Amino acid sequence: MEKQINSAVNKIIKELKIDRRLSEAILYAVNSGGKRVRPKIACFVYEAKTGNVSGDILRMASAIEIIHTASLIHDDLPGIDNDDFRRNNPTLHNKYDEATAILAGDLLFTKGLEILSENERLKKVAADALESLINGEFLDVEYEKRDIEFHQWMNMVKGKTGALIKLSFETGAILADYTASETEKLGKAGEMIGIAFQMTDDLLDVVGDEKEVGKKLKKDSAEGKCTALNFFTIEKLKIQTEDYFKNAISIIEDMNYDFNGLIKFLNALKERTK
């Protein structure tokens, strides 16, 4: 599946009518070692009902990955997180320059949403997800060096991390013609996975291995970022993370489809160290 996703992502980028240097920069960003979590989720959800991974779901799943890449490019910029490395590679603004990184991100946001909008049922869902994502990123910056309440942190995380993971579940469901009720349940599971994913990120920033994670660690607390560890001890946060994963998987298991591939993937995700 990962090979198919990589092929679909690269096909979209290579078809863009853009300058060679900008194309090279974007290809560098999309091929810098990502786990392809979001497109894999979309494909697993689709496959659970249809029994296959079609060209249509690969294209839509790849569009989500393209948007995710855009968000990382912008997140790494000096004006936001100011990161020099991601996945042990120089961030795009360091490999090329800041202007190229900004414009590459702009183009990927636009292209990803254009592709998702090819499906009438996905158009509004995708636009809402992108709105939530950008608002979450804004709140991440806005809440720096501030004391906020847990519900504010949760609102931020549902946007900056949860929105695209939720969209991945919904995209697989919509393309595979799940019922509206089933799609809503899968979206809820996706939101929970997004929260758990961010909690894991916050843990790894403190207890992870810098070489394995692939970027500078302990930056969040040093820069006054609001993380889950503002509200929980390390041990309690591990329990919270486990609970969100378990509750999400419980929702999925209650549905009468072959979700073995998805559940196996989510269980592996729960144990990630990078």
Foldseek 3Di string as FASTA:
>chain_A
DVVLLLVLLLVLLVPDPDDPVLSVLLNCLLPLDDPLVLLVLLQLLLCQQVVDRDPLSSNLSSLLSLLVSLLVLVCCDPVHLVFQKAQQHGRSCNVPRRVSSNVSSVVSNVSSLVSLVVDVVRNVLVVVLQVLQVVLSVVQRVCFQHDDDPVSPLSSQCRNQQSSQLSSQLNSCVVNVDDPVLSVLSSVLSSLLSLLLQLVVVLLLPPADCNRRITHGPSCVVRRGDGCCVPDPSVVSLVSSVVSLVVSVVSVVVDPTPSVVVNVVSVVSNVDRD
